[in-house]
N, C-alpha and C. Protein backbone atom coordinates (compact mmCIF):
# COMPACT_ATOMS: atom_id res chain seq x y z
N MET A 1 119.69 76.78 154.74
CA MET A 1 118.53 77.59 155.12
C MET A 1 117.29 76.74 154.95
N PRO A 2 116.45 76.63 155.93
CA PRO A 2 115.29 75.73 155.85
C PRO A 2 114.30 76.22 154.81
N ALA A 3 113.68 75.20 154.06
CA ALA A 3 112.70 75.53 153.02
C ALA A 3 111.49 76.16 153.64
N PRO A 4 110.89 77.10 152.94
CA PRO A 4 109.72 77.77 153.50
C PRO A 4 108.57 76.82 153.61
N GLU A 5 107.87 76.96 154.66
CA GLU A 5 106.74 76.07 154.88
C GLU A 5 105.60 76.50 153.99
N SER A 6 104.86 75.45 153.46
CA SER A 6 103.70 75.75 152.61
C SER A 6 102.61 76.38 153.43
N THR A 7 101.87 77.21 152.76
CA THR A 7 100.79 77.91 153.46
C THR A 7 99.58 77.03 153.52
N PRO A 8 99.04 76.78 154.65
CA PRO A 8 97.83 75.95 154.75
C PRO A 8 96.73 76.57 153.92
N SER A 9 95.91 75.65 153.33
CA SER A 9 94.84 76.12 152.45
C SER A 9 93.89 77.06 153.15
N ASP A 10 93.73 76.88 154.44
CA ASP A 10 92.78 77.77 155.12
C ASP A 10 93.37 79.12 155.40
N LEU A 11 94.77 79.27 155.14
CA LEU A 11 95.38 80.58 155.36
C LEU A 11 95.58 81.36 154.04
N ARG A 12 95.34 80.67 152.83
CA ARG A 12 95.51 81.36 151.54
C ARG A 12 94.43 82.42 151.38
N PRO A 13 94.79 83.49 150.66
CA PRO A 13 93.80 84.56 150.48
C PRO A 13 92.61 84.04 149.71
N ARG A 14 91.46 84.36 150.12
CA ARG A 14 90.24 83.90 149.48
C ARG A 14 89.79 84.93 148.42
N ARG A 15 89.27 84.37 147.23
CA ARG A 15 88.75 85.24 146.18
C ARG A 15 87.29 85.52 146.45
N SER A 16 86.94 86.70 146.09
CA SER A 16 85.54 87.08 146.27
C SER A 16 84.70 86.38 145.21
N PRO A 17 83.41 86.23 145.38
CA PRO A 17 82.54 85.63 144.36
C PRO A 17 82.65 86.35 143.02
N GLU A 18 82.84 87.63 143.03
CA GLU A 18 82.96 88.38 141.78
C GLU A 18 84.22 88.00 141.02
N GLN A 19 85.36 87.78 141.74
CA GLN A 19 86.61 87.38 141.11
C GLN A 19 86.48 85.99 140.50
N ARG A 20 85.83 85.07 141.25
CA ARG A 20 85.67 83.70 140.74
C ARG A 20 84.81 83.69 139.48
N SER A 21 83.82 84.53 139.39
CA SER A 21 82.95 84.60 138.20
C SER A 21 83.72 85.08 136.98
N ARG A 22 84.59 86.14 137.18
CA ARG A 22 85.40 86.63 136.06
C ARG A 22 86.36 85.56 135.57
N ARG A 23 86.97 84.80 136.46
CA ARG A 23 87.93 83.75 136.09
C ARG A 23 87.23 82.66 135.27
N ALA A 24 86.01 82.30 135.68
CA ALA A 24 85.27 81.26 134.95
C ALA A 24 84.93 81.73 133.54
N ARG A 25 84.54 83.02 133.42
CA ARG A 25 84.23 83.54 132.09
C ARG A 25 85.45 83.54 131.19
N THR A 26 86.62 83.87 131.76
CA THR A 26 87.87 83.88 130.98
C THR A 26 88.17 82.49 130.44
N ARG A 27 87.99 81.45 131.30
CA ARG A 27 88.26 80.08 130.86
C ARG A 27 87.31 79.67 129.73
N ARG A 28 86.03 80.04 129.87
CA ARG A 28 85.07 79.65 128.84
C ARG A 28 85.40 80.32 127.49
N THR A 29 85.83 81.58 127.56
CA THR A 29 86.18 82.30 126.33
C THR A 29 87.36 81.65 125.63
N THR A 30 88.39 81.25 126.43
CA THR A 30 89.58 80.60 125.86
C THR A 30 89.21 79.30 125.17
N VAL A 31 88.36 78.49 125.82
CA VAL A 31 87.94 77.21 125.24
C VAL A 31 87.17 77.44 123.94
N ALA A 32 86.32 78.47 123.93
CA ALA A 32 85.52 78.75 122.73
C ALA A 32 86.41 79.14 121.54
N VAL A 33 87.43 79.97 121.82
CA VAL A 33 88.34 80.40 120.75
C VAL A 33 89.10 79.23 120.18
N ILE A 34 89.61 78.35 121.07
CA ILE A 34 90.37 77.18 120.61
C ILE A 34 89.46 76.27 119.78
N GLY A 35 88.23 76.08 120.23
CA GLY A 35 87.30 75.22 119.49
C GLY A 35 86.99 75.77 118.11
N ALA A 36 86.78 77.08 118.01
CA ALA A 36 86.49 77.69 116.70
C ALA A 36 87.67 77.53 115.75
N ALA A 37 88.88 77.69 116.27
CA ALA A 37 90.07 77.55 115.43
C ALA A 37 90.18 76.12 114.91
N SER A 38 89.86 75.13 115.74
CA SER A 38 89.92 73.73 115.32
C SER A 38 88.92 73.45 114.21
N VAL A 39 87.71 74.00 114.35
CA VAL A 39 86.68 73.80 113.32
C VAL A 39 87.13 74.38 111.99
N LEU A 40 87.72 75.58 112.02
CA LEU A 40 88.19 76.21 110.79
C LEU A 40 89.29 75.39 110.14
N ALA A 41 90.19 74.83 110.94
CA ALA A 41 91.29 74.02 110.40
C ALA A 41 90.75 72.78 109.71
N VAL A 42 89.77 72.11 110.34
CA VAL A 42 89.18 70.91 109.74
C VAL A 42 88.46 71.26 108.45
N ALA A 43 87.74 72.39 108.45
CA ALA A 43 87.02 72.81 107.25
C ALA A 43 87.98 73.08 106.10
N ALA A 44 89.14 73.65 106.42
CA ALA A 44 90.12 73.94 105.37
C ALA A 44 90.64 72.66 104.75
N VAL A 45 90.90 71.63 105.58
CA VAL A 45 91.40 70.35 105.07
C VAL A 45 90.35 69.69 104.19
N VAL A 46 89.10 69.68 104.67
CA VAL A 46 88.02 69.07 103.89
C VAL A 46 87.85 69.79 102.57
N GLY A 47 87.92 71.12 102.59
CA GLY A 47 87.79 71.89 101.36
C GLY A 47 88.87 71.55 100.36
N THR A 48 90.10 71.35 100.85
CA THR A 48 91.20 71.00 99.96
C THR A 48 90.95 69.66 99.30
N VAL A 49 90.47 68.69 100.07
CA VAL A 49 90.22 67.36 99.53
C VAL A 49 89.13 67.41 98.47
N VAL A 50 88.07 68.19 98.74
CA VAL A 50 86.96 68.28 97.79
C VAL A 50 87.42 68.92 96.49
N VAL A 51 88.23 69.99 96.60
CA VAL A 51 88.68 70.69 95.40
C VAL A 51 89.59 69.81 94.58
N ASN A 52 90.56 69.16 95.26
CA ASN A 52 91.50 68.33 94.53
C ASN A 52 90.82 67.10 93.95
N GLY A 53 89.93 66.49 94.72
CA GLY A 53 89.18 65.35 94.23
C GLY A 53 90.05 64.14 94.02
N SER A 54 89.40 63.08 93.60
CA SER A 54 90.09 61.84 93.30
C SER A 54 90.22 61.70 91.80
N GLY A 55 91.36 61.22 91.30
CA GLY A 55 91.57 61.08 89.88
C GLY A 55 90.57 60.14 89.23
N SER A 56 90.09 59.16 89.99
CA SER A 56 89.17 58.19 89.42
C SER A 56 87.80 58.78 89.15
N ASP A 57 87.46 59.92 89.82
CA ASP A 57 86.15 60.53 89.62
C ASP A 57 86.16 61.60 88.55
N ALA A 58 87.34 61.95 88.03
CA ALA A 58 87.43 63.02 87.04
C ALA A 58 86.85 62.53 85.72
N PRO A 59 86.14 63.39 84.97
CA PRO A 59 85.57 62.96 83.69
C PRO A 59 86.65 62.66 82.68
N ALA A 60 86.39 61.70 81.77
CA ALA A 60 87.37 61.33 80.76
C ALA A 60 87.57 62.48 79.79
N ALA A 61 88.80 62.60 79.28
CA ALA A 61 89.10 63.67 78.33
C ALA A 61 88.33 63.44 77.04
N ALA A 62 87.90 64.52 76.43
CA ALA A 62 87.15 64.42 75.18
C ALA A 62 88.07 63.95 74.07
N ALA A 63 87.48 63.29 73.07
CA ALA A 63 88.27 62.82 71.94
C ALA A 63 88.91 64.00 71.23
N ASP A 64 90.13 63.73 70.72
CA ASP A 64 90.88 64.80 70.06
C ASP A 64 90.37 64.96 68.63
N THR A 65 89.20 65.54 68.46
CA THR A 65 88.62 65.75 67.15
C THR A 65 88.64 67.23 66.80
N LYS A 66 88.49 67.51 65.51
CA LYS A 66 88.49 68.89 65.05
C LYS A 66 87.30 69.10 64.13
N ASP A 67 86.89 70.33 64.01
CA ASP A 67 85.82 70.70 63.10
C ASP A 67 86.41 71.58 62.01
N TRP A 68 85.86 71.45 60.79
CA TRP A 68 86.40 72.25 59.70
C TRP A 68 86.31 73.75 59.98
N SER A 69 85.38 74.17 60.85
CA SER A 69 85.27 75.59 61.18
C SER A 69 86.50 76.09 61.91
N GLU A 70 87.29 75.15 62.48
CA GLU A 70 88.50 75.53 63.21
C GLU A 70 89.74 75.47 62.32
N VAL A 71 89.58 75.01 61.09
CA VAL A 71 90.72 74.84 60.20
C VAL A 71 90.69 75.94 59.14
N ALA A 72 91.70 76.78 59.14
CA ALA A 72 91.76 77.88 58.17
C ALA A 72 92.04 77.33 56.78
N PRO A 73 91.31 77.78 55.75
CA PRO A 73 91.56 77.30 54.40
C PRO A 73 92.93 77.76 53.92
N THR A 74 93.60 76.88 53.19
CA THR A 74 94.92 77.21 52.68
C THR A 74 94.79 77.84 51.29
N ALA A 75 95.82 78.59 50.93
CA ALA A 75 95.81 79.21 49.61
C ALA A 75 95.79 78.13 48.54
N GLY A 76 94.96 78.30 47.52
CA GLY A 76 94.91 77.32 46.44
C GLY A 76 94.09 76.09 46.76
N ALA A 77 93.35 76.10 47.88
CA ALA A 77 92.59 74.91 48.27
C ALA A 77 91.47 74.60 47.30
N THR A 78 91.02 75.60 46.54
CA THR A 78 89.93 75.39 45.60
C THR A 78 90.42 75.24 44.17
N GLU A 79 91.74 75.24 43.97
CA GLU A 79 92.32 75.10 42.64
C GLU A 79 92.67 73.64 42.39
N ALA A 80 92.32 73.14 41.22
CA ALA A 80 92.62 71.75 40.88
C ALA A 80 94.13 71.56 40.75
N PRO A 81 94.65 70.42 41.19
CA PRO A 81 96.09 70.17 41.06
C PRO A 81 96.48 69.98 39.60
N ALA A 82 97.73 70.26 39.31
CA ALA A 82 98.22 70.09 37.95
C ALA A 82 98.29 68.60 37.60
N LEU A 83 98.12 68.30 36.33
CA LEU A 83 98.19 66.90 35.89
C LEU A 83 99.60 66.36 36.10
N LEU A 84 99.68 65.13 36.55
CA LEU A 84 100.98 64.50 36.77
C LEU A 84 101.36 63.67 35.54
N PRO A 85 102.57 63.84 35.06
CA PRO A 85 103.00 63.05 33.89
C PRO A 85 103.24 61.59 34.28
N ASP A 86 103.05 60.70 33.31
CA ASP A 86 103.33 59.29 33.56
C ASP A 86 104.79 59.13 33.95
N GLY A 87 105.03 58.29 34.95
CA GLY A 87 106.39 58.04 35.40
C GLY A 87 106.86 58.99 36.48
N ASP A 88 106.08 60.02 36.82
CA ASP A 88 106.47 60.96 37.88
C ASP A 88 106.55 60.24 39.22
N THR A 89 107.60 60.53 39.98
CA THR A 89 107.77 59.89 41.30
C THR A 89 107.90 60.92 42.42
N ARG A 90 107.99 62.18 42.10
CA ARG A 90 108.26 63.20 43.12
C ARG A 90 106.99 63.66 43.84
N ALA A 91 105.91 63.87 43.11
CA ALA A 91 104.72 64.48 43.70
C ALA A 91 104.07 63.61 44.77
N LEU A 92 104.01 62.30 44.54
CA LEU A 92 103.29 61.41 45.45
C LEU A 92 104.19 60.44 46.19
N GLY A 93 105.47 60.41 45.82
CA GLY A 93 106.37 59.45 46.47
C GLY A 93 106.26 58.06 45.89
N GLN A 94 105.40 57.86 44.90
CA GLN A 94 105.26 56.61 44.17
C GLN A 94 105.19 56.92 42.69
N GLU A 95 105.58 55.96 41.89
CA GLU A 95 105.55 56.18 40.44
C GLU A 95 104.11 56.26 39.94
N VAL A 96 103.85 57.22 39.08
CA VAL A 96 102.53 57.39 38.49
C VAL A 96 102.46 56.57 37.20
N ALA A 97 101.55 55.58 37.18
CA ALA A 97 101.39 54.76 35.98
C ALA A 97 100.67 55.56 34.90
N THR A 98 99.60 56.24 35.30
CA THR A 98 98.85 57.06 34.36
C THR A 98 97.94 58.02 35.12
N THR A 99 97.59 59.12 34.48
CA THR A 99 96.64 60.08 35.04
C THR A 99 95.46 60.20 34.07
N VAL A 100 94.25 60.00 34.61
CA VAL A 100 93.04 60.06 33.78
C VAL A 100 92.02 60.96 34.45
N GLY A 101 90.95 61.24 33.73
CA GLY A 101 89.88 62.06 34.29
C GLY A 101 89.07 61.29 35.32
N LEU A 102 88.34 62.01 36.15
CA LEU A 102 87.52 61.37 37.17
C LEU A 102 86.42 60.50 36.57
N ASP A 103 86.07 60.75 35.32
CA ASP A 103 85.01 59.97 34.67
C ASP A 103 85.57 58.95 33.69
N GLU A 104 86.86 58.65 33.78
CA GLU A 104 87.49 57.70 32.87
C GLU A 104 87.88 56.42 33.60
N THR A 105 88.27 55.42 32.81
CA THR A 105 88.69 54.12 33.35
C THR A 105 90.19 53.96 33.15
N ALA A 106 90.86 53.43 34.15
CA ALA A 106 92.30 53.19 34.08
C ALA A 106 92.56 51.70 34.30
N THR A 107 93.60 51.20 33.65
CA THR A 107 93.94 49.78 33.78
C THR A 107 95.34 49.64 34.35
N PHE A 108 95.44 48.85 35.41
CA PHE A 108 96.76 48.51 35.93
C PHE A 108 97.34 47.45 35.01
N PRO A 109 98.57 47.64 34.53
CA PRO A 109 99.14 46.71 33.56
C PRO A 109 99.05 45.25 34.02
N GLY A 110 98.42 44.41 33.18
CA GLY A 110 98.32 42.99 33.47
C GLY A 110 97.53 42.66 34.70
N SER A 111 96.63 43.54 35.12
CA SER A 111 95.94 43.31 36.39
C SER A 111 94.46 43.65 36.30
N ILE A 112 94.04 44.73 36.89
CA ILE A 112 92.63 45.08 37.01
C ILE A 112 92.35 46.47 36.46
N GLN A 113 91.08 46.72 36.19
CA GLN A 113 90.64 48.04 35.79
C GLN A 113 90.06 48.76 37.00
N ALA A 114 90.21 50.07 37.02
CA ALA A 114 89.66 50.88 38.11
C ALA A 114 88.84 52.02 37.51
N ARG A 115 87.73 52.32 38.17
CA ARG A 115 86.86 53.40 37.70
C ARG A 115 86.22 54.09 38.89
N ILE A 116 86.17 55.43 38.84
CA ILE A 116 85.48 56.19 39.88
C ILE A 116 84.01 56.27 39.48
N VAL A 117 83.16 55.59 40.24
CA VAL A 117 81.73 55.58 39.94
C VAL A 117 81.11 56.93 40.27
N SER A 118 81.48 57.49 41.42
CA SER A 118 80.91 58.77 41.84
C SER A 118 81.76 59.39 42.94
N VAL A 119 81.64 60.70 43.07
CA VAL A 119 82.22 61.45 44.19
C VAL A 119 81.08 62.26 44.79
N THR A 120 80.66 61.90 46.00
CA THR A 120 79.47 62.48 46.60
C THR A 120 79.81 63.28 47.85
N PRO A 121 79.37 64.53 47.94
CA PRO A 121 79.58 65.30 49.19
C PRO A 121 78.85 64.62 50.35
N THR A 122 79.50 64.56 51.49
CA THR A 122 78.91 63.96 52.69
C THR A 122 79.50 64.66 53.91
N SER A 123 79.42 64.04 55.06
CA SER A 123 80.00 64.63 56.28
C SER A 123 80.46 63.51 57.19
N THR A 124 81.37 63.85 58.09
CA THR A 124 81.86 62.89 59.08
C THR A 124 81.61 63.46 60.47
N ASP A 125 81.54 62.56 61.46
CA ASP A 125 81.23 63.01 62.82
C ASP A 125 82.44 63.04 63.74
N GLY A 126 83.65 62.78 63.20
CA GLY A 126 84.85 62.82 64.05
C GLY A 126 84.80 61.79 65.15
N GLY A 127 84.41 60.57 64.81
CA GLY A 127 84.21 59.56 65.84
C GLY A 127 85.48 58.95 66.40
N ARG A 128 86.61 59.18 65.78
CA ARG A 128 87.85 58.62 66.31
C ARG A 128 88.87 59.73 66.53
N VAL A 129 89.87 59.44 67.33
CA VAL A 129 90.88 60.43 67.67
C VAL A 129 91.61 60.91 66.41
N GLY A 130 91.70 62.24 66.27
CA GLY A 130 92.40 62.81 65.13
C GLY A 130 91.55 62.96 63.89
N GLU A 131 90.34 62.44 63.90
CA GLU A 131 89.46 62.51 62.74
C GLU A 131 88.72 63.84 62.73
N LEU A 132 88.63 64.45 61.55
CA LEU A 132 87.92 65.71 61.41
C LEU A 132 86.42 65.46 61.33
N SER A 133 85.64 66.37 61.87
CA SER A 133 84.19 66.29 61.72
C SER A 133 83.75 67.40 60.78
N GLY A 134 82.75 67.10 59.98
CA GLY A 134 82.25 68.11 59.06
C GLY A 134 82.26 67.63 57.63
N ASP A 135 82.58 68.54 56.70
CA ASP A 135 82.49 68.25 55.27
C ASP A 135 83.43 67.12 54.86
N ALA A 136 82.95 66.30 53.93
CA ALA A 136 83.73 65.17 53.44
C ALA A 136 83.24 64.78 52.05
N VAL A 137 83.96 63.87 51.42
CA VAL A 137 83.52 63.31 50.14
C VAL A 137 83.53 61.79 50.25
N ASP A 138 82.56 61.17 49.60
CA ASP A 138 82.47 59.71 49.52
C ASP A 138 82.85 59.31 48.10
N VAL A 139 84.01 58.66 47.98
CA VAL A 139 84.50 58.23 46.67
C VAL A 139 84.10 56.77 46.47
N ARG A 140 83.28 56.52 45.48
CA ARG A 140 82.87 55.14 45.17
C ARG A 140 83.75 54.61 44.04
N LEU A 141 84.46 53.54 44.34
CA LEU A 141 85.43 52.97 43.41
C LEU A 141 84.95 51.60 42.93
N GLU A 142 85.11 51.34 41.63
CA GLU A 142 84.79 50.02 41.08
C GLU A 142 86.06 49.39 40.51
N LEU A 143 86.28 48.15 40.84
CA LEU A 143 87.40 47.38 40.30
C LEU A 143 86.85 46.22 39.48
N VAL A 144 87.47 45.96 38.33
CA VAL A 144 87.05 44.86 37.46
C VAL A 144 88.27 44.02 37.13
N ASN A 145 88.13 42.72 37.30
CA ASN A 145 89.22 41.80 36.97
C ASN A 145 89.14 41.47 35.48
N VAL A 146 90.08 42.00 34.71
CA VAL A 146 90.08 41.78 33.27
C VAL A 146 91.11 40.72 32.87
N THR A 147 91.62 39.99 33.87
CA THR A 147 92.58 38.93 33.59
C THR A 147 91.85 37.58 33.57
N GLY A 148 92.59 36.54 33.29
CA GLY A 148 92.02 35.20 33.28
C GLY A 148 92.25 34.46 34.58
N GLU A 149 92.72 35.15 35.60
CA GLU A 149 93.00 34.51 36.89
C GLU A 149 92.34 35.28 38.03
N THR A 150 92.20 34.58 39.16
CA THR A 150 91.66 35.25 40.35
C THR A 150 92.68 36.27 40.87
N VAL A 151 92.21 37.45 41.22
CA VAL A 151 93.09 38.52 41.68
C VAL A 151 92.65 38.97 43.07
N ALA A 152 93.59 38.96 44.02
CA ALA A 152 93.29 39.47 45.37
C ALA A 152 93.30 40.99 45.35
N VAL A 153 92.32 41.58 46.03
CA VAL A 153 92.22 43.05 46.04
C VAL A 153 92.28 43.61 47.46
N ASP A 154 92.68 42.80 48.44
CA ASP A 154 92.78 43.27 49.82
C ASP A 154 93.79 44.40 49.97
N SER A 155 94.82 44.41 49.13
CA SER A 155 95.90 45.38 49.30
C SER A 155 95.70 46.65 48.47
N VAL A 156 94.57 46.76 47.79
CA VAL A 156 94.29 47.98 47.03
C VAL A 156 94.13 49.15 48.00
N ALA A 157 94.85 50.23 47.73
CA ALA A 157 94.81 51.41 48.62
C ALA A 157 94.29 52.62 47.85
N VAL A 158 93.46 53.43 48.53
CA VAL A 158 92.88 54.63 47.93
C VAL A 158 93.24 55.83 48.80
N ASN A 159 93.71 56.89 48.17
CA ASN A 159 93.99 58.14 48.88
C ASN A 159 93.41 59.31 48.09
N VAL A 160 93.10 60.38 48.81
CA VAL A 160 92.55 61.58 48.18
C VAL A 160 93.40 62.78 48.56
N PHE A 161 93.65 63.65 47.60
CA PHE A 161 94.35 64.90 47.81
C PHE A 161 93.46 66.02 47.26
N TYR A 162 93.61 67.22 47.82
CA TYR A 162 92.80 68.33 47.32
C TYR A 162 93.63 69.60 47.22
N GLY A 163 93.21 70.47 46.28
CA GLY A 163 93.88 71.75 46.10
C GLY A 163 95.13 71.65 45.24
N ALA A 164 95.61 72.82 44.86
CA ALA A 164 96.79 72.89 44.00
C ALA A 164 98.02 72.28 44.65
N ASP A 165 98.09 72.32 45.98
CA ASP A 165 99.25 71.79 46.69
C ASP A 165 99.11 70.31 47.03
N ARG A 166 98.03 69.68 46.59
CA ARG A 166 97.77 68.26 46.87
C ARG A 166 97.82 67.99 48.38
N THR A 167 96.98 68.69 49.11
CA THR A 167 96.88 68.46 50.56
C THR A 167 96.26 67.09 50.81
N PRO A 168 96.91 66.24 51.61
CA PRO A 168 96.33 64.91 51.88
C PRO A 168 95.03 65.04 52.67
N ALA A 169 93.99 64.35 52.23
CA ALA A 169 92.72 64.35 52.94
C ALA A 169 92.74 63.26 54.01
N THR A 170 92.14 63.56 55.16
CA THR A 170 92.10 62.60 56.26
C THR A 170 91.02 61.55 56.00
N PRO A 171 91.39 60.25 56.00
CA PRO A 171 90.37 59.22 55.77
C PRO A 171 89.48 59.04 56.98
N ALA A 172 88.26 58.63 56.75
CA ALA A 172 87.31 58.31 57.82
C ALA A 172 87.02 56.82 57.79
N ASP A 173 86.54 56.30 58.91
CA ASP A 173 86.20 54.88 58.98
C ASP A 173 85.11 54.55 57.96
N SER A 174 85.29 53.41 57.29
CA SER A 174 84.27 52.95 56.35
C SER A 174 84.26 51.43 56.36
N ASP A 175 83.07 50.86 56.43
CA ASP A 175 82.93 49.41 56.43
C ASP A 175 82.65 48.86 55.04
N THR A 176 82.69 49.72 54.05
CA THR A 176 82.29 49.28 52.71
C THR A 176 83.43 49.38 51.70
N VAL A 177 84.68 49.28 52.16
CA VAL A 177 85.80 49.27 51.23
C VAL A 177 85.90 47.89 50.58
N ILE A 178 86.62 47.82 49.49
CA ILE A 178 86.73 46.56 48.74
C ILE A 178 87.67 45.60 49.46
N ARG A 179 87.22 44.37 49.60
CA ARG A 179 88.01 43.33 50.26
C ARG A 179 87.88 42.02 49.48
N GLY A 180 88.80 41.09 49.79
CA GLY A 180 88.69 39.75 49.21
C GLY A 180 89.42 39.62 47.89
N SER A 181 88.81 38.91 46.96
CA SER A 181 89.43 38.67 45.66
C SER A 181 88.36 38.68 44.58
N LEU A 182 88.80 38.83 43.34
CA LEU A 182 87.90 38.89 42.19
C LEU A 182 88.20 37.75 41.24
N GLU A 183 87.15 37.02 40.89
CA GLU A 183 87.28 35.99 39.88
C GLU A 183 87.41 36.66 38.50
N PRO A 184 87.90 35.94 37.50
CA PRO A 184 88.00 36.53 36.16
C PRO A 184 86.66 37.10 35.69
N GLY A 185 86.68 38.36 35.27
CA GLY A 185 85.47 39.03 34.79
C GLY A 185 84.60 39.62 35.88
N ALA A 186 84.90 39.35 37.15
CA ALA A 186 84.07 39.85 38.25
C ALA A 186 84.46 41.28 38.60
N SER A 187 83.54 41.97 39.27
CA SER A 187 83.78 43.35 39.69
C SER A 187 83.36 43.53 41.14
N ALA A 188 83.84 44.59 41.75
CA ALA A 188 83.48 44.92 43.14
C ALA A 188 83.47 46.43 43.28
N THR A 189 82.60 46.92 44.16
CA THR A 189 82.47 48.36 44.40
C THR A 189 82.63 48.65 45.88
N GLY A 190 83.36 49.71 46.20
CA GLY A 190 83.56 50.09 47.60
C GLY A 190 83.50 51.59 47.77
N ASP A 191 83.20 52.02 48.99
CA ASP A 191 83.12 53.45 49.31
C ASP A 191 84.27 53.86 50.22
N TYR A 192 84.91 54.97 49.88
CA TYR A 192 86.05 55.48 50.63
C TYR A 192 85.74 56.94 50.98
N VAL A 193 85.68 57.23 52.28
CA VAL A 193 85.27 58.56 52.75
C VAL A 193 86.49 59.33 53.25
N PHE A 194 86.59 60.59 52.84
CA PHE A 194 87.71 61.44 53.23
C PHE A 194 87.19 62.82 53.62
N SER A 195 87.79 63.40 54.64
CA SER A 195 87.44 64.76 55.07
C SER A 195 88.03 65.77 54.09
N VAL A 196 87.16 66.50 53.43
CA VAL A 196 87.58 67.50 52.44
C VAL A 196 86.68 68.73 52.61
N PRO A 197 87.25 69.94 52.71
CA PRO A 197 86.42 71.14 52.82
C PRO A 197 85.46 71.23 51.63
N ALA A 198 84.26 71.71 51.89
CA ALA A 198 83.26 71.80 50.82
C ALA A 198 83.78 72.61 49.64
N ALA A 199 84.55 73.66 49.93
CA ALA A 199 85.07 74.52 48.86
C ALA A 199 86.08 73.80 47.98
N SER A 200 86.63 72.68 48.47
CA SER A 200 87.66 71.95 47.72
C SER A 200 87.14 70.67 47.09
N ALA A 201 85.83 70.41 47.22
CA ALA A 201 85.28 69.14 46.74
C ALA A 201 85.45 68.96 45.24
N ASP A 202 85.54 70.06 44.50
CA ASP A 202 85.72 69.97 43.05
C ASP A 202 87.18 70.09 42.64
N ALA A 203 88.08 70.05 43.61
CA ALA A 203 89.51 70.20 43.32
C ALA A 203 90.29 69.04 43.91
N ILE A 204 89.74 67.82 43.76
CA ILE A 204 90.40 66.66 44.35
C ILE A 204 91.08 65.80 43.29
N SER A 205 92.00 64.99 43.74
CA SER A 205 92.57 63.92 42.91
C SER A 205 92.51 62.64 43.73
N VAL A 206 92.12 61.55 43.09
CA VAL A 206 92.00 60.25 43.74
C VAL A 206 93.13 59.36 43.25
N VAL A 207 93.91 58.85 44.19
CA VAL A 207 95.07 58.03 43.85
C VAL A 207 94.80 56.59 44.28
N VAL A 208 94.89 55.67 43.33
CA VAL A 208 94.61 54.25 43.61
C VAL A 208 95.88 53.45 43.36
N ALA A 209 96.27 52.66 44.36
CA ALA A 209 97.44 51.81 44.24
C ALA A 209 97.00 50.35 44.24
N ARG A 210 97.53 49.58 43.32
CA ARG A 210 97.19 48.14 43.25
C ARG A 210 97.67 47.42 44.49
N ASP A 211 98.85 47.75 44.93
CA ASP A 211 99.41 47.25 46.18
C ASP A 211 100.59 48.14 46.55
N ALA A 212 101.15 47.91 47.73
CA ALA A 212 102.25 48.75 48.22
C ALA A 212 103.44 48.68 47.27
N GLY A 213 103.93 49.84 46.88
CA GLY A 213 105.13 49.90 46.05
C GLY A 213 104.88 49.85 44.56
N SER A 214 103.66 49.55 44.14
CA SER A 214 103.38 49.46 42.71
C SER A 214 103.01 50.83 42.17
N PRO A 215 103.16 51.07 40.85
CA PRO A 215 102.76 52.35 40.27
C PRO A 215 101.29 52.64 40.53
N VAL A 216 100.95 53.91 40.69
CA VAL A 216 99.59 54.30 41.04
C VAL A 216 98.87 54.90 39.85
N VAL A 217 97.54 54.86 39.93
CA VAL A 217 96.69 55.50 38.94
C VAL A 217 96.08 56.73 39.59
N VAL A 218 96.11 57.86 38.89
CA VAL A 218 95.60 59.12 39.42
C VAL A 218 94.36 59.53 38.63
N PHE A 219 93.26 59.77 39.36
CA PHE A 219 92.03 60.28 38.76
C PHE A 219 91.86 61.74 39.21
N GLN A 220 91.69 62.65 38.24
CA GLN A 220 91.45 64.04 38.62
C GLN A 220 90.82 64.81 37.47
């Protein structure tokens, strides 16, 4: 069967001017709708990028510090710890050479003398990670070489506990701790700062070790 012949353009039905105007308006409306949808899609993508941001522009995390106002006081925090007998190894994990008052002098056998010059209330600013900010005590320690030989004091360690349960106090940075060595008869003084609640400042014990593993002297 022969294919139908195409209709010459001059024989196709002609649209009236009114029909052509409606068709043009329809096309313009379609283009406008598509354009608006594209703009919304782009805005959504941009918004997502802005919200998510770049990791390099995010502010650094704040230091992990705490304030004493956030730390609940423990029971017995204001009660002085019980005196430790000479030779005790359970309470501190090290042998106790002797326990003396905060205003007394203790002597490490065949070595040096230690004395607490003062315990002064102070405060810390929590400048390092894990360090508490707020109330603290400054323990001033004096060491005297009572031997006839030079004695190194770099390894002398100081710790503070407070309350009946001997809660370990968090040490703070200090540039004035005792370092170096002592000639015969010489002395040195250093400051050791620890975070201690103000209510517990009168219930502390100061533990001084001549070196790692040696018996300790307890001041309280």
